Amino acid sequence: MNFEPQSAQPYAQQFARGLINPAFETPEGLVVPFGNDVDMRYNIYRNNVAVSLIEALAAVFPAVQRITGNEFFRAMARFHLRATPPKSPLLFEYGQDFPDFIESYEYARFMPWLADVARIERAWLDAYHAEDLPVLETHAFASVEAAALTSLRFIRHPASHIVRSSFSAVSIFAMNRSDEPITHLDASEPEDALITRPDFDVTVTRLPPGGATFISQLFNGESLGDSVAAALNDSPAFDLPANLNGVISAGAFTAMRIGDHT
């Protein structure tokens, strides 16, 4: 399949736009060998592109697909790719906006937790492909004087992410990323997720009360003391030793420093 454009850049945009949206006609100037039907060949190519992108989304969001079923998922994914064409040639990067699309997708509104499950799955893939850096070990605290603990600041590991949900998104995610039978679950319980990659495997951890606020503050460069205060304000049940040990053990940070000095 070849084309004879008068202006390469506008023509390329026209060609790509038609691949995503079947409402657009076959670009003018397109020629195919041996006298084959141009519209038929372009439609075949267009369909192959759509199928590839849908399959890429299915690979990134297997829990979402298991929840919705294959037919529902593929229809939703097709609407998404028409609204949000790929911006990168790397297929694993496609679908960054899919959770937000799900949240606004009319036919998914009866599953209000589905977008948050998708956000966890997207964070899982981003963690998987994140830069390899050493993680902060618990023994690093041994050299810190007690008076300096509250001024500690932490450097987030690039594989670490927080997903907050008003629903039981972590439990729903875990249930649908396994081959175990689906059981009844009360989806109305808020759950927050910490996604990390301490070794070679990505882990998704359900955070205890105040944990998401605490870690989010640390991710934003706030001091340990200020982060604890924010967590206690969010949840009086916040347990500092348990949360700090948990987030360090999960490999959420690469380093720490005292105060504002690097």
C-alpha atoms as a PDB file:
ATOM      1  CA  MET A   1       0.000   0.000   0.000  1.00  0.00           C
ATOM      2  CA  ASN A   2       1.508   3.313  -1.095  1.00  0.00           C
ATOM      3  CA  PHE A   3       0.395   6.907  -1.254  1.00  0.00           C
ATOM      4  CA  GLU A   4       1.277   9.883  -3.377  1.00  0.00           C
ATOM      5  CA  PRO A   5       0.835  12.917  -1.125  1.00  0.00           C
ATOM      6  CA  GLN A   6       1.194  16.526  -2.132  1.00  0.00           C
ATOM      7  CA  SER A   7       2.222  17.376   1.436  1.00  0.00           C
ATOM      8  CA  ALA A   8       3.631  14.512   3.502  1.00  0.00           C
ATOM      9  CA  GLN A   9       2.774  15.716   7.015  1.00  0.00           C
ATOM     10  CA  PRO A  10      -0.924  16.609   6.470  1.00  0.00           C
ATOM     11  CA  TYR A  11      -1.383  13.444   4.460  1.00  0.00           C
ATOM     12  CA  ALA A  12       0.143  11.321   7.207  1.00  0.00           C
ATOM     13  CA  GLN A  13      -2.251  12.895   9.684  1.00  0.00           C
ATOM     14  CA  GLN A  14      -5.187  12.212   7.381  1.00  0.00           C
ATOM     15  CA  PHE A  15      -4.051   8.621   6.877  1.00  0.00           C
ATOM     16  CA  ALA A  16      -3.647   7.999  10.625  1.00  0.00           C
ATOM     17  CA  ARG A  17      -6.915   9.704  11.540  1.00  0.00           C
ATOM     18  CA  GLY A  18      -8.815   7.423   9.197  1.00  0.00           C
ATOM     19  CA  LEU A  19      -7.245   4.352  10.754  1.00  0.00           C
ATOM     20  CA  ILE A  20      -8.759   5.158  14.133  1.00  0.00           C
ATOM     21  CA  ASN A  21     -12.191   6.360  13.061  1.00  0.00           C
ATOM     22  CA  PRO A  22     -14.149   4.436  10.416  1.00  0.00           C
ATOM     23  CA  ALA A  23     -16.315   7.505   9.820  1.00  0.00           C
ATOM     24  CA  PHE A  24     -13.449   8.973   7.788  1.00  0.00           C
ATOM     25  CA  GLU A  25     -13.177   7.934   4.169  1.00  0.00           C
ATOM     26  CA  THR A  26     -10.145   6.362   2.529  1.00  0.00           C
ATOM     27  CA  PRO A  27      -7.495   9.065   2.027  1.00  0.00           C
ATOM     28  CA  GLU A  28      -7.187  10.418  -1.477  1.00  0.00           C
ATOM     29  CA  GLY A  29      -4.062   9.493  -3.383  1.00  0.00           C
ATOM     30  CA  LEU A  30      -3.795   6.020  -1.860  1.00  0.00           C
ATOM     31  CA  VAL A  31      -2.836   3.334  -4.367  1.00  0.00           C
ATOM     32  CA  VAL A  32      -2.486  -0.442  -4.064  1.00  0.00           C
ATOM     33  CA  PRO A  33      -0.715  -2.889  -6.408  1.00  0.00           C
ATOM     34  CA  PHE A  34      -2.296  -5.126  -9.008  1.00  0.00           C
ATOM     35  CA  GLY A  35      -5.478  -3.079  -9.267  1.00  0.00           C
ATOM     36  CA  ASN A  36      -6.853  -4.200  -5.893  1.00  0.00           C
ATOM     37  CA  ASP A  37      -9.747  -2.339  -4.336  1.00  0.00           C
ATOM     38  CA  VAL A  38      -8.295   0.624  -2.406  1.00  0.00           C
ATOM     39  CA  ASP A  39     -11.189   0.966   0.055  1.00  0.00           C
ATOM     40  CA  MET A  40     -11.166  -2.745   0.857  1.00  0.00           C
ATOM     41  CA  ARG A  41      -7.396  -2.811   1.507  1.00  0.00           C
ATOM     42  CA  TYR A  42      -7.527   0.329   3.630  1.00  0.00           C
ATOM     43  CA  ASN A  43     -10.419  -1.062   5.683  1.00  0.00           C
ATOM     44  CA  ILE A  44      -8.482  -4.276   6.277  1.00  0.00           C
ATOM     45  CA  TYR A  45      -5.497  -2.271   7.441  1.00  0.00           C
ATOM     46  CA  ARG A  46      -7.757  -0.084   9.585  1.00  0.00           C
ATOM     47  CA  ASN A  47      -9.287  -3.152  11.217  1.00  0.00           C
ATOM     48  CA  ASN A  48      -5.860  -4.659  11.908  1.00  0.00           C
ATOM     49  CA  VAL A  49      -4.777  -1.442  13.645  1.00  0.00           C
ATOM     50  CA  ALA A  50      -7.917  -1.391  15.787  1.00  0.00           C
ATOM     51  CA  VAL A  51      -7.538  -5.047  16.740  1.00  0.00           C
ATOM     52  CA  SER A  52      -3.880  -4.509  17.693  1.00  0.00           C
ATOM     53  CA  LEU A  53      -4.735  -1.588  19.955  1.00  0.00           C
ATOM     54  CA  ILE A  54      -7.634  -3.439  21.570  1.00  0.00           C
ATOM     55  CA  GLU A  55      -5.388  -6.424  22.205  1.00  0.00           C
ATOM     56  CA  ALA A  56      -2.798  -4.085  23.730  1.00  0.00           C
ATOM     57  CA  LEU A  57      -5.429  -2.744  26.127  1.00  0.00           C
ATOM     58  CA  ALA A  58      -6.554  -6.265  26.983  1.00  0.00           C
ATOM     59  CA  ALA A  59      -2.969  -7.188  27.854  1.00  0.00           C
ATOM     60  CA  VAL A  60      -2.669  -4.176  30.186  1.00  0.00           C
ATOM     61  CA  PHE A  61      -6.099  -4.518  31.809  1.00  0.00           C
ATOM     62  CA  PRO A  62      -6.808  -8.263  32.219  1.00  0.00           C
ATOM     63  CA  ALA A  63      -8.776  -7.781  35.463  1.00  0.00           C
ATOM     64  CA  VAL A  64     -11.013  -5.183  33.820  1.00  0.00           C
ATOM     65  CA  GLN A  65     -11.617  -7.550  30.906  1.00  0.00           C
ATOM     66  CA  ARG A  66     -12.436 -10.437  33.245  1.00  0.00           C
ATOM     67  CA  ILE A  67     -14.926  -8.259  35.130  1.00  0.00           C
ATOM     68  CA  THR A  68     -16.707  -6.894  32.070  1.00  0.00           C
ATOM     69  CA  GLY A  69     -16.424  -9.894  29.797  1.00  0.00           C
ATOM     70  CA  ASN A  70     -14.712  -9.972  26.437  1.00  0.00           C
ATOM     71  CA  GLU A  71     -17.510  -8.480  24.325  1.00  0.00           C
ATOM     72  CA  PHE A  72     -18.146  -5.522  26.661  1.00  0.00           C
ATOM     73  CA  PHE A  73     -14.430  -4.851  27.024  1.00  0.00           C
ATOM     74  CA  ARG A  74     -13.733  -4.844  23.305  1.00  0.00           C
ATOM     75  CA  ALA A  75     -16.633  -2.481  22.612  1.00  0.00           C
ATOM     76  CA  MET A  76     -15.451  -0.121  25.350  1.00  0.00           C
ATOM     77  CA  ALA A  77     -11.867  -0.311  24.093  1.00  0.00           C
ATOM     78  CA  ARG A  78     -12.966   0.481  20.547  1.00  0.00           C
ATOM     79  CA  PHE A  79     -14.753   3.639  21.701  1.00  0.00           C
ATOM     80  CA  HIS A  80     -11.659   4.579  23.682  1.00  0.00           C
ATOM     81  CA  LEU A  81      -9.234   4.238  20.786  1.00  0.00           C
ATOM     82  CA  ARG A  82     -11.429   6.452  18.630  1.00  0.00           C
ATOM     83  CA  ALA A  83     -11.417   9.100  21.353  1.00  0.00           C
ATOM     84  CA  THR A  84      -7.749   8.711  22.319  1.00  0.00           C
ATOM     85  CA  PRO A  85      -5.385   7.618  19.530  1.00  0.00           C
ATOM     86  CA  PRO A  86      -1.917   6.383  20.519  1.00  0.00           C
ATOM     87  CA  LYS A  87       0.779   8.982  21.067  1.00  0.00           C
ATOM     88  CA  SER A  88       3.719   6.582  21.242  1.00  0.00           C
ATOM     89  CA  PRO A  89       4.918   3.770  18.960  1.00  0.00           C
ATOM     90  CA  LEU A  90       5.362   1.597  22.084  1.00  0.00           C
ATOM     91  CA  LEU A  91       2.177  -0.402  22.589  1.00  0.00           C
ATOM     92  CA  PHE A  92       2.719  -0.883  26.323  1.00  0.00           C
ATOM     93  CA  GLU A  93       2.436   2.888  26.754  1.00  0.00           C
ATOM     94  CA  TYR A  94      -1.022   2.915  25.204  1.00  0.00           C
ATOM     95  CA  GLY A  95      -3.918   3.103  27.644  1.00  0.00           C
ATOM     96  CA  GLN A  96      -2.683   5.790  30.029  1.00  0.00           C
ATOM     97  CA  ASP A  97      -6.061   7.522  29.669  1.00  0.00           C
ATOM     98  CA  PHE A  98      -8.155   4.345  29.686  1.00  0.00           C
ATOM     99  CA  PRO A  99      -9.083   4.486  33.421  1.00  0.00           C
ATOM    100  CA  ASP A 100     -10.382   8.050  33.020  1.00  0.00           C
ATOM    101  CA  PHE A 101     -12.288   6.975  29.929  1.00  0.00           C
ATOM    102  CA  ILE A 102     -13.894   4.098  31.862  1.00  0.00           C
ATOM    103  CA  GLU A 103     -14.972   6.554  34.564  1.00  0.00           C
ATOM    104  CA  SER A 104     -16.864   8.601  31.967  1.00  0.00           C
ATOM    105  CA  TYR A 105     -18.084   5.644  29.885  1.00  0.00           C
ATOM    106  CA  GLU A 106     -21.879   5.622  30.078  1.00  0.00           C
ATOM    107  CA  TYR A 107     -22.301   1.851  29.950  1.00  0.00           C
ATOM    108  CA  ALA A 108     -19.838   1.258  32.811  1.00  0.00           C
ATOM    109  CA  ARG A 109     -21.542   3.510  35.317  1.00  0.00           C
ATOM    110  CA  PHE A 110     -23.179   0.568  37.073  1.00  0.00           C
ATOM    111  CA  MET A 111     -19.604  -0.478  38.013  1.00  0.00           C
ATOM    112  CA  PRO A 112     -18.327   2.733  39.678  1.00  0.00           C
ATOM    113  CA  TRP A 113     -15.242   0.937  41.025  1.00  0.00           C
ATOM    114  CA  LEU A 114     -14.093  -0.292  37.600  1.00  0.00           C
ATOM    115  CA  ALA A 115     -12.026   2.817  36.795  1.00  0.00           C
ATOM    116  CA  ASP A 116     -10.047   2.455  40.035  1.00  0.00           C
ATOM    117  CA  VAL A 117      -9.338  -1.198  39.273  1.00  0.00           C
ATOM    118  CA  ALA A 118      -8.039  -0.014  35.891  1.00  0.00           C
ATOM    119  CA  ARG A 119      -5.874   2.604  37.626  1.00  0.00           C
ATOM    120  CA  ILE A 120      -4.260  -0.120  39.728  1.00  0.00           C
ATOM    121  CA  GLU A 121      -3.628  -2.219  36.616  1.00  0.00           C
ATOM    122  CA  ARG A 122      -2.087   0.752  34.797  1.00  0.00           C
ATOM    123  CA  ALA A 123       0.115   1.514  37.807  1.00  0.00           C
ATOM    124  CA  TRP A 124       1.129  -2.163  37.884  1.00  0.00           C
ATOM    125  CA  LEU A 125       2.398  -1.955  34.305  1.00  0.00           C
ATOM    126  CA  ASP A 126       4.130   1.381  34.900  1.00  0.00           C
ATOM    127  CA  ALA A 127       5.875  -0.135  37.918  1.00  0.00           C
ATOM    128  CA  TYR A 128       6.924  -3.133  35.847  1.00  0.00           C
ATOM    129  CA  HIS A 129       8.587  -0.928  33.220  1.00  0.00           C
ATOM    130  CA  ALA A 130      10.051   1.617  35.651  1.00  0.00           C
ATOM    131  CA  GLU A 131      13.749   2.319  35.937  1.00  0.00           C
ATOM    132  CA  ASP A 132      15.794  -0.150  37.980  1.00  0.00           C
ATOM    133  CA  LEU A 133      17.144   1.573  41.074  1.00  0.00           C
ATOM    134  CA  PRO A 134      18.249   0.214  44.446  1.00  0.00           C
ATOM    135  CA  VAL A 135      15.650   0.368  47.214  1.00  0.00           C
ATOM    136  CA  LEU A 136      16.106   1.921  50.643  1.00  0.00           C
ATOM    137  CA  GLU A 137      16.778  -0.721  53.296  1.00  0.00           C
ATOM    138  CA  THR A 138      15.486  -0.582  56.876  1.00  0.00           C
ATOM    139  CA  HIS A 139      19.007  -0.620  58.316  1.00  0.00           C
ATOM    140  CA  ALA A 140      19.527   2.885  56.870  1.00  0.00           C
ATOM    141  CA  PHE A 141      17.726   4.280  59.942  1.00  0.00           C
ATOM    142  CA  ALA A 142      20.436   3.000  62.255  1.00  0.00           C
ATOM    143  CA  SER A 143      22.682   6.002  61.556  1.00  0.00           C
ATOM    144  CA  VAL A 144      19.943   8.610  62.060  1.00  0.00           C
ATOM    145  CA  GLU A 145      19.821  10.364  65.428  1.00  0.00           C
ATOM    146  CA  ALA A 146      16.463  10.354  67.190  1.00  0.00           C
ATOM    147  CA  ALA A 147      16.235  14.144  67.130  1.00  0.00           C
ATOM    148  CA  ALA A 148      16.555  14.168  63.335  1.00  0.00           C
ATOM    149  CA  LEU A 149      13.864  11.562  62.590  1.00  0.00           C
ATOM    150  CA  THR A 150      11.002  14.012  62.108  1.00  0.00           C
ATOM    151  CA  SER A 151      13.001  15.990  59.520  1.00  0.00           C
ATOM    152  CA  LEU A 152      13.708  12.945  57.347  1.00  0.00           C
ATOM    153  CA  ARG A 153      12.646  13.175  53.707  1.00  0.00           C
ATOM    154  CA  PHE A 154      12.437  10.257  51.291  1.00  0.00           C
ATOM    155  CA  ILE A 155      13.103   9.833  47.564  1.00  0.00           C
ATOM    156  CA  ARG A 156      10.357   7.897  45.827  1.00  0.00           C
ATOM    157  CA  HIS A 157      11.366   4.857  43.800  1.00  0.00           C
ATOM    158  CA  PRO A 158      10.182   5.333  40.171  1.00  0.00           C
ATOM    159  CA  ALA A 159       8.276   2.031  40.383  1.00  0.00           C
ATOM    160  CA  SER A 160       6.182   3.234  43.335  1.00  0.00           C
ATOM    161  CA  HIS A 161       2.609   4.485  42.952  1.00  0.00           C
ATOM    162  CA  ILE A 162      -0.426   5.193  45.115  1.00  0.00           C
ATOM    163  CA  VAL A 163      -4.002   4.580  43.941  1.00  0.00           C
ATOM    164  CA  ARG A 164      -6.782   5.773  46.224  1.00  0.00           C
ATOM    165  CA  SER A 165     -10.319   4.489  45.867  1.00  0.00           C
ATOM    166  CA  SER A 166     -13.698   5.043  47.486  1.00  0.00           C
ATOM    167  CA  PHE A 167     -14.409   1.401  46.674  1.00  0.00           C
ATOM    168  CA  SER A 168     -12.862  -2.011  47.345  1.00  0.00           C
ATOM    169  CA  ALA A 169     -10.660  -1.669  44.277  1.00  0.00           C
ATOM    170  CA  VAL A 170      -7.669  -3.538  45.720  1.00  0.00           C
ATOM    171  CA  SER A 171      -9.736  -6.597  46.631  1.00  0.00           C
ATOM    172  CA  ILE A 172     -11.536  -6.551  43.284  1.00  0.00           C
ATOM    173  CA  PHE A 173      -8.211  -6.221  41.463  1.00  0.00           C
ATOM    174  CA  ALA A 174      -6.663  -9.131  43.372  1.00  0.00           C
ATOM    175  CA  MET A 175      -9.670 -11.366  42.847  1.00  0.00           C
ATOM    176  CA  ASN A 176      -9.737 -10.771  39.112  1.00  0.00           C
ATOM    177  CA  ARG A 177      -5.984 -11.073  38.480  1.00  0.00           C
ATOM    178  CA  SER A 178      -6.016 -14.687  39.608  1.00  0.00           C
ATOM    179  CA  ASP A 179      -7.595 -17.856  38.269  1.00  0.00           C
ATOM    180  CA  GLU A 180      -9.572 -18.384  41.466  1.00  0.00           C
ATOM    181  CA  PRO A 181     -13.383 -18.417  41.313  1.00  0.00           C
ATOM    182  CA  ILE A 182     -15.120 -15.069  41.777  1.00  0.00           C
ATOM    183  CA  THR A 183     -16.833 -14.704  45.155  1.00  0.00           C
ATOM    184  CA  HIS A 184     -19.260 -12.133  46.531  1.00  0.00           C
ATOM    185  CA  LEU A 185     -17.619  -8.935  47.687  1.00  0.00           C
ATOM    186  CA  ASP A 186     -18.942  -5.751  49.254  1.00  0.00           C
ATOM    187  CA  ALA A 187     -17.418  -3.164  46.943  1.00  0.00           C
ATOM    188  CA  SER A 188     -18.394  -0.169  49.073  1.00  0.00           C
ATOM    189  CA  GLU A 189     -15.418  -0.378  51.475  1.00  0.00           C
ATOM    190  CA  PRO A 190     -12.778   2.253  50.570  1.00  0.00           C
ATOM    191  CA  GLU A 191      -9.348   0.785  49.816  1.00  0.00           C
ATOM    192  CA  ASP A 192      -6.028   2.376  48.891  1.00  0.00           C
ATOM    193  CA  ALA A 193      -3.227   0.613  47.036  1.00  0.00           C
ATOM    194  CA  LEU A 194       0.547   0.887  47.140  1.00  0.00           C
ATOM    195  CA  ILE A 195       2.131  -0.474  43.962  1.00  0.00           C
ATOM    196  CA  THR A 196       5.866  -1.204  44.136  1.00  0.00           C
ATOM    197  CA  ARG A 197       8.535  -3.405  42.608  1.00  0.00           C
ATOM    198  CA  PRO A 198      10.999  -4.191  45.408  1.00  0.00           C
ATOM    199  CA  ASP A 199      12.730  -6.978  43.469  1.00  0.00           C
ATOM    200  CA  PHE A 200      11.728  -8.313  40.078  1.00  0.00           C
ATOM    201  CA  ASP A 201       8.014  -8.715  40.788  1.00  0.00           C
ATOM    202  CA  VAL A 202       5.415  -5.980  41.087  1.00  0.00           C
ATOM    203  CA  THR A 203       3.422  -6.065  44.312  1.00  0.00           C
ATOM    204  CA  VAL A 204       0.083  -4.443  45.137  1.00  0.00           C
ATOM    205  CA  THR A 205      -0.503  -3.818  48.830  1.00  0.00           C
ATOM    206  CA  ARG A 206      -3.717  -2.698  50.502  1.00  0.00           C
ATOM    207  CA  LEU A 207      -2.796   0.172  52.810  1.00  0.00           C
ATOM    208  CA  PRO A 208      -3.962   0.512  56.422  1.00  0.00           C
ATOM    209  CA  PRO A 209      -5.835   3.596  57.706  1.00  0.00           C
ATOM    210  CA  GLY A 210      -3.963   6.799  57.003  1.00  0.00           C
ATOM    211  CA  GLY A 211      -1.339   4.950  54.964  1.00  0.00           C
ATOM    212  CA  ALA A 212      -2.141   6.515  51.598  1.00  0.00           C
ATOM    213  CA  THR A 213      -2.043  10.035  53.011  1.00  0.00           C
ATOM    214  CA  PHE A 214       1.215   9.296  54.827  1.00  0.00           C
ATOM    215  CA  ILE A 215       2.983   7.834  51.800  1.00  0.00           C
ATOM    216  CA  SER A 216       1.598  10.427  49.385  1.00  0.00           C
ATOM    217  CA  GLN A 217       3.038  13.165  51.584  1.00  0.00           C
ATOM    218  CA  LEU A 218       6.414  11.426  51.617  1.00  0.00           C
ATOM    219  CA  PHE A 219       6.261  10.974  47.835  1.00  0.00           C
ATOM    220  CA  ASN A 220       5.695  14.729  47.535  1.00  0.00           C
ATOM    221  CA  GLY A 221       8.861  15.458  49.505  1.00  0.00           C
ATOM    222  CA  GLU A 222       7.249  16.336  52.831  1.00  0.00           C
ATOM    223  CA  SER A 223       9.139  15.581  56.034  1.00  0.00           C
ATOM    224  CA  LEU A 224       8.403  12.512  58.122  1.00  0.00           C
ATOM    225  CA  GLY A 225       7.003  14.668  60.897  1.00  0.00           C
ATOM    226  CA  ASP A 226       4.620  16.579  58.625  1.00  0.00           C
ATOM    227  CA  SER A 227       3.576  13.359  56.891  1.00  0.00           C
ATOM    228  CA  VAL A 228       2.711  11.731  60.210  1.00  0.00           C
ATOM    229  CA  ALA A 229       0.642  14.775  61.189  1.00  0.00           C
ATOM    230  CA  ALA A 230      -1.271  14.626  57.893  1.00  0.00           C
ATOM    231  CA  ALA A 231      -1.894  10.892  58.309  1.00  0.00           C
ATOM    232  CA  LEU A 232      -3.197  11.311  61.870  1.00  0.00           C
ATOM    233  CA  ASN A 233      -5.472  14.107  60.695  1.00  0.00           C
ATOM    234  CA  ASP A 234      -6.801  11.749  58.010  1.00  0.00           C
ATOM    235  CA  SER A 235      -7.167   8.792  60.375  1.00  0.00           C
ATOM    236  CA  PRO A 236      -6.676   8.828  64.179  1.00  0.00           C
ATOM    237  CA  ALA A 237      -6.036   5.075  63.894  1.00  0.00           C
ATOM    238  CA  PHE A 238      -2.829   5.686  61.923  1.00  0.00           C
ATOM    239  CA  ASP A 239       0.006   3.452  63.193  1.00  0.00           C
ATOM    240  CA  LEU A 240       3.405   4.990  62.404  1.00  0.00           C
ATOM    241  CA  PRO A 241       5.677   1.977  63.107  1.00  0.00           C
ATOM    242  CA  ALA A 242       3.498  -0.382  61.073  1.00  0.00           C
ATOM    243  CA  ASN A 243       3.128   2.011  58.155  1.00  0.00           C
ATOM    244  CA  LEU A 244       6.762   3.090  58.043  1.00  0.00           C
ATOM    245  CA  ASN A 245       8.038  -0.472  58.262  1.00  0.00           C
ATOM    246  CA  GLY A 246       5.544  -1.566  55.624  1.00  0.00           C
ATOM    247  CA  VAL A 247       6.408   1.114  53.090  1.00  0.00           C
ATOM    248  CA  ILE A 248      10.157   0.615  53.531  1.00  0.00           C
ATOM    249  CA  SER A 249       9.820  -3.172  53.268  1.00  0.00           C
ATOM    250  CA  ALA A 250       7.766  -2.724  50.099  1.00  0.00           C
ATOM    251  CA  GLY A 251      10.679  -0.911  48.453  1.00  0.00           C
ATOM    252  CA  ALA A 252       8.843   2.351  47.877  1.00  0.00           C
ATOM    253  CA  PHE A 253      11.931   4.568  48.281  1.00  0.00           C
ATOM    254  CA  THR A 254      15.439   4.729  46.906  1.00  0.00           C
ATOM    255  CA  ALA A 255      17.051   6.995  49.480  1.00  0.00           C
ATOM    256  CA  MET A 256      16.462   9.413  52.348  1.00  0.00           C
ATOM    257  CA  ARG A 257      17.973  12.643  53.541  1.00  0.00           C
ATOM    258  CA  ILE A 258      17.756  14.865  56.602  1.00  0.00           C
ATOM    259  CA  GLY A 259      15.970  18.190  56.270  1.00  0.00           C
ATOM    260  CA  ASP A 260      16.172  20.230  53.088  1.00  0.00           C
ATOM    261  CA  HIS A 261      19.807  19.393  52.401  1.00  0.00           C
ATOM    262  CA  THR A 262      20.691  16.817  49.740  1.00  0.00           C
END
